[in-house]
C-alpha atoms as a PDB file:
ATOM      1  CA  MET A   1       1.193 -26.068  16.134  1.00  0.00           C
ATOM      2  CA  SER A   2      -0.486 -22.672  16.010  1.00  0.00           C
ATOM      3  CA  THR A   3       1.249 -19.736  14.381  1.00  0.00           C
ATOM      4  CA  ALA A   4       1.115 -16.330  16.056  1.00  0.00           C
ATOM      5  CA  ALA A   5      -0.400 -13.508  14.072  1.00  0.00           C
ATOM      6  CA  PRO A   6       2.158 -11.049  12.696  1.00  0.00           C
ATOM      7  CA  ALA A   7       2.732  -7.983  14.847  1.00  0.00           C
ATOM      8  CA  PRO A   8       1.127  -4.777  13.562  1.00  0.00           C
ATOM      9  CA  SER A   9       3.411  -2.597  11.472  1.00  0.00           C
ATOM     10  CA  ALA A  10       4.680   0.580  13.098  1.00  0.00           C
ATOM     11  CA  LEU A  11       2.593   3.591  12.108  1.00  0.00           C
ATOM     12  CA  THR A  12       4.377   6.881  11.578  1.00  0.00           C
ATOM     13  CA  VAL A  13       3.149  10.202  10.221  1.00  0.00           C
ATOM     14  CA  ASP A  14       5.430  11.741   7.641  1.00  0.00           C
ATOM     15  CA  ARG A  15       5.391  15.531   7.542  1.00  0.00           C
ATOM     16  CA  GLN A  16       5.070  15.534   3.745  1.00  0.00           C
ATOM     17  CA  TYR A  17       3.272  12.305   2.879  1.00  0.00           C
ATOM     18  CA  GLY A  18       0.938  11.598   5.796  1.00  0.00           C
ATOM     19  CA  ALA A  19       0.436   8.202   7.451  1.00  0.00           C
ATOM     20  CA  VAL A  20       2.874   5.367   6.747  1.00  0.00           C
ATOM     21  CA  LEU A  21       2.789   1.750   7.955  1.00  0.00           C
ATOM     22  CA  GLU A  22       6.452   0.818   7.852  1.00  0.00           C
ATOM     23  CA  GLY A  23       7.064  -2.201   5.639  1.00  0.00           C
ATOM     24  CA  ARG A  24       3.337  -2.680   4.955  1.00  0.00           C
ATOM     25  CA  TRP A  25       1.848   0.374   3.243  1.00  0.00           C
ATOM     26  CA  VAL A  26       3.458   3.562   1.977  1.00  0.00           C
ATOM     27  CA  PRO A  27       2.053   6.371  -0.199  1.00  0.00           C
ATOM     28  CA  ALA A  28       3.120   5.784  -3.783  1.00  0.00           C
ATOM     29  CA  PRO A  29       3.878   8.882  -5.912  1.00  0.00           C
ATOM     30  CA  ARG A  30       0.490   8.799  -7.663  1.00  0.00           C
ATOM     31  CA  PHE A  31      -1.280   8.668  -4.291  1.00  0.00           C
ATOM     32  CA  VAL A  32       0.736  11.715  -3.199  1.00  0.00           C
ATOM     33  CA  LEU A  33      -0.196  13.645  -6.348  1.00  0.00           C
ATOM     34  CA  ARG A  34      -3.898  12.853  -5.843  1.00  0.00           C
ATOM     35  CA  ARG A  35      -3.771  13.580  -2.105  1.00  0.00           C
ATOM     36  CA  HIS A  36      -2.339  17.004  -2.892  1.00  0.00           C
ATOM     37  CA  ARG A  37      -5.480  17.762  -4.938  1.00  0.00           C
ATOM     38  CA  VAL A  38      -8.029  16.155  -2.580  1.00  0.00           C
ATOM     39  CA  LEU A  39      -7.064  17.575   0.815  1.00  0.00           C
ATOM     40  CA  PRO A  40      -7.662  21.243  -0.135  1.00  0.00           C
ATOM     41  CA  LEU A  41     -11.163  20.268  -1.299  1.00  0.00           C
ATOM     42  CA  VAL A  42     -11.894  18.582   2.016  1.00  0.00           C
ATOM     43  CA  ASP A  43     -10.418  21.426   4.048  1.00  0.00           C
ATOM     44  CA  ARG A  44     -13.160  23.734   2.752  1.00  0.00           C
ATOM     45  CA  LEU A  45     -15.860  21.574   4.320  1.00  0.00           C
ATOM     46  CA  PRO A  46     -17.134  21.801   7.906  1.00  0.00           C
ATOM     47  CA  ALA A  47     -16.851  18.714  10.100  1.00  0.00           C
ATOM     48  CA  SER A  48     -19.419  16.302   8.685  1.00  0.00           C
ATOM     49  CA  ARG A  49     -20.278  12.647   8.076  1.00  0.00           C
ATOM     50  CA  VAL A  50     -18.020  11.102   5.437  1.00  0.00           C
ATOM     51  CA  ILE A  51     -17.977   7.764   3.636  1.00  0.00           C
ATOM     52  CA  GLU A  52     -15.103   6.492   1.515  1.00  0.00           C
ATOM     53  CA  VAL A  53     -16.042   3.538  -0.681  1.00  0.00           C
ATOM     54  CA  GLY A  54     -13.083   1.240  -1.237  1.00  0.00           C
ATOM     55  CA  CYS A  55     -11.006   2.975   1.410  1.00  0.00           C
ATOM     56  CA  GLY A  56      -8.058   0.605   0.927  1.00  0.00           C
ATOM     57  CA  SER A  57      -5.384   1.373   3.509  1.00  0.00           C
ATOM     58  CA  GLY A  58      -7.540   4.060   5.153  1.00  0.00           C
ATOM     59  CA  ALA A  59      -4.667   6.562   4.941  1.00  0.00           C
ATOM     60  CA  LEU A  60      -6.761   9.370   3.469  1.00  0.00           C
ATOM     61  CA  LEU A  61      -9.727   8.588   5.709  1.00  0.00           C
ATOM     62  CA  ARG A  62      -7.397   8.950   8.698  1.00  0.00           C
ATOM     63  CA  GLU A  63      -6.596  12.494   7.608  1.00  0.00           C
ATOM     64  CA  LEU A  64     -10.301  13.343   7.508  1.00  0.00           C
ATOM     65  CA  ALA A  65     -10.793  11.823  10.950  1.00  0.00           C
ATOM     66  CA  GLN A  66      -7.962  14.023  12.188  1.00  0.00           C
ATOM     67  CA  ARG A  67      -9.899  17.016  10.857  1.00  0.00           C
ATOM     68  CA  GLY A  68     -12.914  16.128  13.007  1.00  0.00           C
ATOM     69  CA  HIS A  69     -15.092  14.309  10.477  1.00  0.00           C
ATOM     70  CA  GLU A  70     -17.135  11.253  11.404  1.00  0.00           C
ATOM     71  CA  CYS A  71     -15.766   8.678   8.976  1.00  0.00           C
ATOM     72  CA  VAL A  72     -16.941   5.367   7.550  1.00  0.00           C
ATOM     73  CA  GLY A  73     -14.763   3.288   5.262  1.00  0.00           C
ATOM     74  CA  LEU A  74     -16.369   0.641   3.067  1.00  0.00           C
ATOM     75  CA  GLU A  75     -13.923  -2.103   2.157  1.00  0.00           C
ATOM     76  CA  THR A  76     -14.356  -5.764   1.173  1.00  0.00           C
ATOM     77  CA  SER A  77     -10.696  -6.839   1.144  1.00  0.00           C
ATOM     78  CA  PRO A  78      -9.773  -8.502   4.483  1.00  0.00           C
ATOM     79  CA  ASP A  79      -6.153  -7.416   4.075  1.00  0.00           C
ATOM     80  CA  ALA A  80      -7.172  -3.798   3.449  1.00  0.00           C
ATOM     81  CA  VAL A  81      -9.561  -3.895   6.427  1.00  0.00           C
ATOM     82  CA  GLU A  82      -6.658  -4.987   8.628  1.00  0.00           C
ATOM     83  CA  VAL A  83      -4.413  -2.186   7.355  1.00  0.00           C
ATOM     84  CA  ALA A  84      -7.193   0.407   7.646  1.00  0.00           C
ATOM     85  CA  GLY A  85      -7.888  -0.765  11.194  1.00  0.00           C
ATOM     86  CA  GLN A  86      -4.312   0.087  12.121  1.00  0.00           C
ATOM     87  CA  MET A  87      -4.543   3.420  10.315  1.00  0.00           C
ATOM     88  CA  LEU A  88      -7.724   4.436  12.130  1.00  0.00           C
ATOM     89  CA  ALA A  89      -6.825   3.150  15.599  1.00  0.00           C
ATOM     90  CA  GLY A  90      -7.370   5.906  18.127  1.00  0.00           C
ATOM     91  CA  PHE A  91     -10.185   7.576  16.185  1.00  0.00           C
ATOM     92  CA  PRO A  92     -13.467   6.480  17.820  1.00  0.00           C
ATOM     93  CA  LYS A  93     -15.526   8.280  15.169  1.00  0.00           C
ATOM     94  CA  ALA A  94     -13.936   6.273  12.343  1.00  0.00           C
ATOM     95  CA  ARG A  95     -14.846   2.689  11.411  1.00  0.00           C
ATOM     96  CA  VAL A  96     -14.423   0.302   8.494  1.00  0.00           C
ATOM     97  CA  LEU A  97     -17.243  -1.972   7.313  1.00  0.00           C
ATOM     98  CA  ALA A  98     -17.492  -4.692   4.685  1.00  0.00           C
ATOM     99  CA  LYS A  99     -20.876  -3.613   3.306  1.00  0.00           C
ATOM    100  CA  GLY A 100     -23.387  -0.795   3.403  1.00  0.00           C
ATOM    101  CA  GLU A 101     -26.166  -0.606   5.967  1.00  0.00           C
ATOM    102  CA  PRO A 102     -29.893  -0.341   5.177  1.00  0.00           C
ATOM    103  CA  ASP A 103     -30.373   2.904   7.097  1.00  0.00           C
ATOM    104  CA  TRP A 104     -27.693   4.848   5.222  1.00  0.00           C
ATOM    105  CA  GLU A 105     -29.999   6.503   2.688  1.00  0.00           C
ATOM    106  CA  GLY A 106     -29.585  10.283   2.850  1.00  0.00           C
ATOM    107  CA  THR A 107     -27.190  10.249   5.824  1.00  0.00           C
ATOM    108  CA  PHE A 108     -23.748  11.311   4.514  1.00  0.00           C
ATOM    109  CA  ASP A 109     -22.434  14.775   3.681  1.00  0.00           C
ATOM    110  CA  LEU A 110     -19.450  13.639   1.620  1.00  0.00           C
ATOM    111  CA  LEU A 111     -18.874  10.545  -0.512  1.00  0.00           C
ATOM    112  CA  MET A 112     -15.393   9.675  -1.745  1.00  0.00           C
ATOM    113  CA  ALA A 113     -14.187   6.842  -3.976  1.00  0.00           C
ATOM    114  CA  PHE A 114     -10.641   6.861  -5.331  1.00  0.00           C
ATOM    115  CA  GLU A 115      -9.617   4.346  -7.988  1.00  0.00           C
ATOM    116  CA  VAL A 116     -12.649   2.145  -7.293  1.00  0.00           C
ATOM    117  CA  LEU A 117     -15.238   2.362 -10.086  1.00  0.00           C
ATOM    118  CA  GLU A 118     -12.826   0.997 -12.699  1.00  0.00           C
ATOM    119  CA  HIS A 119     -12.862  -2.257 -10.690  1.00  0.00           C
ATOM    120  CA  ILE A 120     -16.659  -2.609 -10.927  1.00  0.00           C
ATOM    121  CA  GLU A 121     -18.269  -4.072 -14.035  1.00  0.00           C
ATOM    122  CA  ASP A 122     -21.524  -2.094 -13.666  1.00  0.00           C
ATOM    123  CA  ASP A 123     -20.054   1.206 -12.553  1.00  0.00           C
ATOM    124  CA  HIS A 124     -23.271   3.133 -13.285  1.00  0.00           C
ATOM    125  CA  ALA A 125     -25.333   0.981 -10.912  1.00  0.00           C
ATOM    126  CA  ALA A 126     -22.659   1.193  -8.221  1.00  0.00           C
ATOM    127  CA  LEU A 127     -22.474   4.987  -8.309  1.00  0.00           C
ATOM    128  CA  ARG A 128     -26.276   5.320  -8.260  1.00  0.00           C
ATOM    129  CA  GLU A 129     -26.365   3.164  -5.129  1.00  0.00           C
ATOM    130  CA  TRP A 130     -23.673   5.224  -3.413  1.00  0.00           C
ATOM    131  CA  VAL A 131     -25.364   8.516  -4.265  1.00  0.00           C
ATOM    132  CA  ARG A 132     -28.493   7.298  -2.452  1.00  0.00           C
ATOM    133  CA  TRP A 133     -26.467   7.456   0.772  1.00  0.00           C
ATOM    134  CA  LEU A 134     -25.845  11.193   0.358  1.00  0.00           C
ATOM    135  CA  LYS A 135     -27.934  13.983   1.805  1.00  0.00           C
ATOM    136  CA  PRO A 136     -29.325  16.522  -0.697  1.00  0.00           C
ATOM    137  CA  GLY A 137     -26.530  19.013  -1.262  1.00  0.00           C
ATOM    138  CA  GLY A 138     -23.919  16.385  -0.377  1.00  0.00           C
ATOM    139  CA  LYS A 139     -20.560  16.362  -2.164  1.00  0.00           C
ATOM    140  CA  VAL A 140     -18.935  13.611  -4.197  1.00  0.00           C
ATOM    141  CA  ILE A 141     -15.203  13.331  -4.929  1.00  0.00           C
ATOM    142  CA  LEU A 142     -14.160  10.574  -7.339  1.00  0.00           C
ATOM    143  CA  SER A 143     -10.954   9.602  -9.068  1.00  0.00           C
ATOM    144  CA  MET A 144     -10.374   7.133 -11.876  1.00  0.00           C
ATOM    145  CA  PRO A 145      -7.499   6.212 -14.206  1.00  0.00           C
ATOM    146  CA  ALA A 146      -7.640   8.242 -17.419  1.00  0.00           C
ATOM    147  CA  HIS A 147      -7.701   7.358 -21.123  1.00  0.00           C
ATOM    148  CA  MET A 148      -8.334   3.894 -22.544  1.00  0.00           C
ATOM    149  CA  ALA A 149      -5.429   4.636 -24.889  1.00  0.00           C
ATOM    150  CA  MET A 150      -3.214   4.239 -21.797  1.00  0.00           C
ATOM    151  CA  TRP A 151      -4.586   0.766 -21.005  1.00  0.00           C
ATOM    152  CA  SER A 152      -1.669  -1.432 -19.998  1.00  0.00           C
ATOM    153  CA  GLN A 153      -0.509  -4.573 -18.216  1.00  0.00           C
ATOM    154  CA  ARG A 154      -0.766  -2.789 -14.887  1.00  0.00           C
ATOM    155  CA  ASP A 155      -4.513  -2.199 -15.432  1.00  0.00           C
ATOM    156  CA  ALA A 156      -5.032  -5.922 -15.952  1.00  0.00           C
ATOM    157  CA  TRP A 157      -2.757  -6.659 -12.958  1.00  0.00           C
ATOM    158  CA  ALA A 158      -4.890  -4.397 -10.737  1.00  0.00           C
ATOM    159  CA  GLY A 159      -8.213  -5.926 -11.857  1.00  0.00           C
ATOM    160  CA  HIS A 160      -9.535  -2.981 -13.869  1.00  0.00           C
ATOM    161  CA  TYR A 161     -12.443  -3.210 -16.293  1.00  0.00           C
ATOM    162  CA  ARG A 162     -11.672   0.105 -17.981  1.00  0.00           C
ATOM    163  CA  ARG A 163     -10.005   3.493 -17.909  1.00  0.00           C
ATOM    164  CA  TYR A 164     -12.082   6.656 -18.346  1.00  0.00           C
ATOM    165  CA  GLY A 165     -12.299   9.516 -20.810  1.00  0.00           C
ATOM    166  CA  GLN A 166     -13.483  12.973 -19.870  1.00  0.00           C
ATOM    167  CA  GLU A 167     -16.909  12.378 -21.385  1.00  0.00           C
ATOM    168  CA  ASP A 168     -17.179   9.012 -19.627  1.00  0.00           C
ATOM    169  CA  MET A 169     -16.690  10.712 -16.264  1.00  0.00           C
ATOM    170  CA  ILE A 170     -19.259  13.416 -16.939  1.00  0.00           C
ATOM    171  CA  ASN A 171     -21.856  10.988 -18.296  1.00  0.00           C
ATOM    172  CA  LEU A 172     -21.349   8.629 -15.346  1.00  0.00           C
ATOM    173  CA  ALA A 173     -21.919  11.440 -12.849  1.00  0.00           C
ATOM    174  CA  LYS A 174     -24.957  12.830 -14.655  1.00  0.00           C
ATOM    175  CA  ALA A 175     -26.545   9.383 -14.958  1.00  0.00           C
ATOM    176  CA  ALA A 176     -26.297   9.102 -11.163  1.00  0.00           C
ATOM    177  CA  GLY A 177     -28.155  12.392 -10.783  1.00  0.00           C
ATOM    178  CA  LEU A 178     -25.110  14.477  -9.871  1.00  0.00           C
ATOM    179  CA  LYS A 179     -24.238  18.030 -10.859  1.00  0.00           C
ATOM    180  CA  VAL A 180     -20.588  18.190 -11.950  1.00  0.00           C
ATOM    181  CA  GLU A 181     -18.666  21.086 -10.413  1.00  0.00           C
ATOM    182  CA  LYS A 182     -15.089  20.273 -11.364  1.00  0.00           C
ATOM    183  CA  LEU A 183     -13.216  17.773 -13.505  1.00  0.00           C
ATOM    184  CA  GLU A 184      -9.450  17.802 -13.679  1.00  0.00           C
ATOM    185  CA  CYS A 185      -6.833  15.548 -15.190  1.00  0.00           C
ATOM    186  CA  TYR A 186      -4.088  15.308 -12.590  1.00  0.00           C
ATOM    187  CA  GLY A 187      -0.587  13.912 -12.317  1.00  0.00           C
ATOM    188  CA  PHE A 188       1.232  15.189 -15.408  1.00  0.00           C
ATOM    189  CA  PRO A 189       4.110  14.720 -15.920  1.00  0.00           C
ATOM    190  CA  LEU A 190       5.291  12.565 -12.994  1.00  0.00           C
ATOM    191  CA  SER A 191       2.362  10.116 -12.934  1.00  0.00           C
ATOM    192  CA  ASN A 192       2.848   9.459 -16.640  1.00  0.00           C
ATOM    193  CA  LEU A 193       6.374   8.354 -15.832  1.00  0.00           C
ATOM    194  CA  THR A 194       5.271   6.234 -12.867  1.00  0.00           C
ATOM    195  CA  HIS A 195       2.561   4.712 -15.098  1.00  0.00           C
ATOM    196  CA  TRP A 196       5.318   3.426 -17.376  1.00  0.00           C
ATOM    197  CA  LEU A 197       7.468   2.314 -14.448  1.00  0.00           C
ATOM    198  CA  GLY A 198       4.444   0.546 -12.934  1.00  0.00           C
ATOM    199  CA  ASN A 199       4.106  -1.540 -16.070  1.00  0.00           C
ATOM    200  CA  VAL A 200       7.745  -2.519 -15.813  1.00  0.00           C
ATOM    201  CA  SER A 201       7.305  -3.481 -12.145  1.00  0.00           C
ATOM    202  CA  VAL A 202       4.442  -5.935 -12.849  1.00  0.00           C
ATOM    203  CA  ARG A 203       5.933  -7.488 -15.967  1.00  0.00           C
ATOM    204  CA  GLY A 204       5.421 -11.240 -15.833  1.00  0.00           C
ATOM    205  CA  GLN A 205       2.759 -11.015 -13.111  1.00  0.00           C
ATOM    206  CA  ASP A 206      -0.856 -11.898 -13.789  1.00  0.00           C
ATOM    207  CA  TYR A 207      -2.673 -10.260 -10.855  1.00  0.00           C
ATOM    208  CA  ALA A 208      -1.937  -8.045  -7.853  1.00  0.00           C
ATOM    209  CA  GLY A 209      -1.000  -9.821  -4.636  1.00  0.00           C
ATOM    210  CA  GLY A 210      -0.462 -13.076  -6.502  1.00  0.00           C
ATOM    211  CA  GLY A 211      -4.234 -13.418  -6.966  1.00  0.00           C
ATOM    212  CA  MET A 212      -5.789 -15.937  -9.324  1.00  0.00           C
ATOM    213  CA  SER A 213      -8.690 -13.817 -10.601  1.00  0.00           C
ATOM    214  CA  GLN A 214      -9.755 -10.275 -11.411  1.00  0.00           C
ATOM    215  CA  GLU A 215     -11.710 -10.170  -8.153  1.00  0.00           C
ATOM    216  CA  GLU A 216      -8.675 -11.204  -6.094  1.00  0.00           C
ATOM    217  CA  ALA A 217      -6.540  -8.641  -7.928  1.00  0.00           C
ATOM    218  CA  THR A 218      -9.042  -5.917  -7.055  1.00  0.00           C
ATOM    219  CA  ALA A 219      -8.919  -6.921  -3.390  1.00  0.00           C
ATOM    220  CA  ALA A 220      -5.111  -6.777  -3.328  1.00  0.00           C
ATOM    221  CA  SER A 221      -4.485  -3.747  -5.523  1.00  0.00           C
ATOM    222  CA  GLY A 222      -5.035  -1.181  -2.768  1.00  0.00           C
ATOM    223  CA  THR A 223      -2.516  -2.717  -0.386  1.00  0.00           C
ATOM    224  CA  ASP A 224       0.036  -4.421  -2.663  1.00  0.00           C
ATOM    225  CA  ARG A 225       2.814  -1.871  -2.169  1.00  0.00           C
ATOM    226  CA  LYS A 226       5.905  -4.007  -2.795  1.00  0.00           C
ATOM    227  CA  THR A 227       7.316  -1.674  -5.442  1.00  0.00           C
ATOM    228  CA  ALA A 228       6.398   1.506  -3.555  1.00  0.00           C
ATOM    229  CA  ILE A 229       7.999   0.146  -0.362  1.00  0.00           C
ATOM    230  CA  LYS A 230      11.148  -0.744  -2.293  1.00  0.00           C
ATOM    231  CA  TYR A 231      11.628   2.859  -3.410  1.00  0.00           C
ATOM    232  CA  PHE A 232      10.128   4.728  -0.461  1.00  0.00           C
ATOM    233  CA  SER A 233      13.487   5.362   1.202  1.00  0.00           C
ATOM    234  CA  TRP A 234      14.453   7.293  -1.935  1.00  0.00           C
ATOM    235  CA  GLN A 235      11.096   9.101  -1.897  1.00  0.00           C
ATOM    236  CA  ARG A 236      11.867  10.227   1.681  1.00  0.00           C
ATOM    237  CA  SER A 237      15.383  11.370   0.821  1.00  0.00           C
ATOM    238  CA  PRO A 238      15.984  15.131   0.436  1.00  0.00           C
ATOM    239  CA  ILE A 239      16.091  14.870  -3.359  1.00  0.00           C
ATOM    240  CA  GLY A 240      13.011  12.622  -3.435  1.00  0.00           C
ATOM    241  CA  ARG A 241      11.081  15.042  -1.266  1.00  0.00           C
ATOM    242  CA  ALA A 242      12.087  17.936  -3.484  1.00  0.00           C
ATOM    243  CA  ILE A 243      11.001  16.087  -6.630  1.00  0.00           C
ATOM    244  CA  MET A 244       7.633  15.101  -5.142  1.00  0.00           C
ATOM    245  CA  SER A 245       6.979  18.608  -3.839  1.00  0.00           C
ATOM    246  CA  THR A 246       7.826  20.066  -7.240  1.00  0.00           C
ATOM    247  CA  ALA A 247       5.693  17.480  -9.053  1.00  0.00           C
ATOM    248  CA  CYS A 248       2.654  18.352  -6.914  1.00  0.00           C
ATOM    249  CA  GLN A 249       3.002  21.977  -7.979  1.00  0.00           C
ATOM    250  CA  VAL A 250       3.970  21.333 -11.609  1.00  0.00           C
ATOM    251  CA  GLN A 251       0.766  19.327 -12.244  1.00  0.00           C
ATOM    252  CA  ARG A 252      -1.368  22.415 -11.516  1.00  0.00           C
ATOM    253  CA  PRO A 253      -1.051  24.199 -14.916  1.00  0.00           C
ATOM    254  CA  PHE A 254      -2.035  20.974 -16.701  1.00  0.00           C
ATOM    255  CA  LEU A 255      -5.196  20.121 -14.734  1.00  0.00           C
ATOM    256  CA  GLY A 256      -7.427  21.499 -17.490  1.00  0.00           C
ATOM    257  CA  THR A 257      -5.706  19.423 -20.177  1.00  0.00           C
ATOM    258  CA  ARG A 258      -5.952  15.707 -20.905  1.00  0.00           C
ATOM    259  CA  LEU A 259      -2.255  15.062 -20.343  1.00  0.00           C
ATOM    260  CA  GLY A 260      -2.363  13.402 -16.908  1.00  0.00           C
ATOM    261  CA  ASP A 261      -3.106   9.744 -16.251  1.00  0.00           C
ATOM    262  CA  GLY A 262      -5.972  10.232 -13.785  1.00  0.00           C
ATOM    263  CA  TYR A 263      -9.236  12.160 -13.523  1.00  0.00           C
ATOM    264  CA  LEU A 264     -10.569  13.799 -10.364  1.00  0.00           C
ATOM    265  CA  LEU A 265     -14.240  14.759 -10.354  1.00  0.00           C
ATOM    266  CA  VAL A 266     -16.143  16.882  -7.839  1.00  0.00           C
ATOM    267  CA  ALA A 267     -19.950  16.892  -7.953  1.00  0.00           C
ATOM    268  CA  THR A 268     -23.016  17.708  -5.843  1.00  0.00           C
ATOM    269  CA  LYS A 269     -26.235  15.832  -5.248  1.00  0.00           C
ATOM    270  CA  PRO A 270     -29.059  18.347  -5.962  1.00  0.00           C
END
């Protein structure tokens, strides 16, 4: 007997957090902290052609599509492709693909990859390949988890190969032929707390999404939001909103330190 496919989750747009797929994908606190840093960078750019490698849920790509950008998401996880498809429904200039196309060289104005390179064994080769898709003068925005000293069970659960130091980020960008414009360490102090709580939440689990390998964990890590969904009603409460709004502002004085648990890099292709 055939089983009907599950109905799509209801998509809502939260005034503070952006797109939400009820019961399927919600923006975790660390995503919110990073989004608060990324959107002002994007808002300075004219409508252009954008690619996000490892777009996951497609929530951030949706916000760029809303701003008039022509968007391509690159995503290999079937589950993430399904979620992103729901996120980007209604935006004819946005699409999600499983792999790059041969005619992409020199065609994009902006390349984004958030929490992706730590999942790739040869991160240098991957970034060099992506940079080939950019036009001269194109922008790159990357984020990665910070500090190998913070390596934890949750990194293994998510399928990470590494966390990054400040010098690692700069050397990676330069080796790909990029000119670094900005490097900030975001999230302090809230993301440091959620980093600890994240370790508690995956205690006793081997890999994200119940996967059996590092590769399967990588595929599931962008959409496995069980813990975030559990606490999202609190995050949307008046006190939760106030805390998140304050945390987004409080991280600002610490961006030039190494206190946060994530790095955000902005660079240009000469």
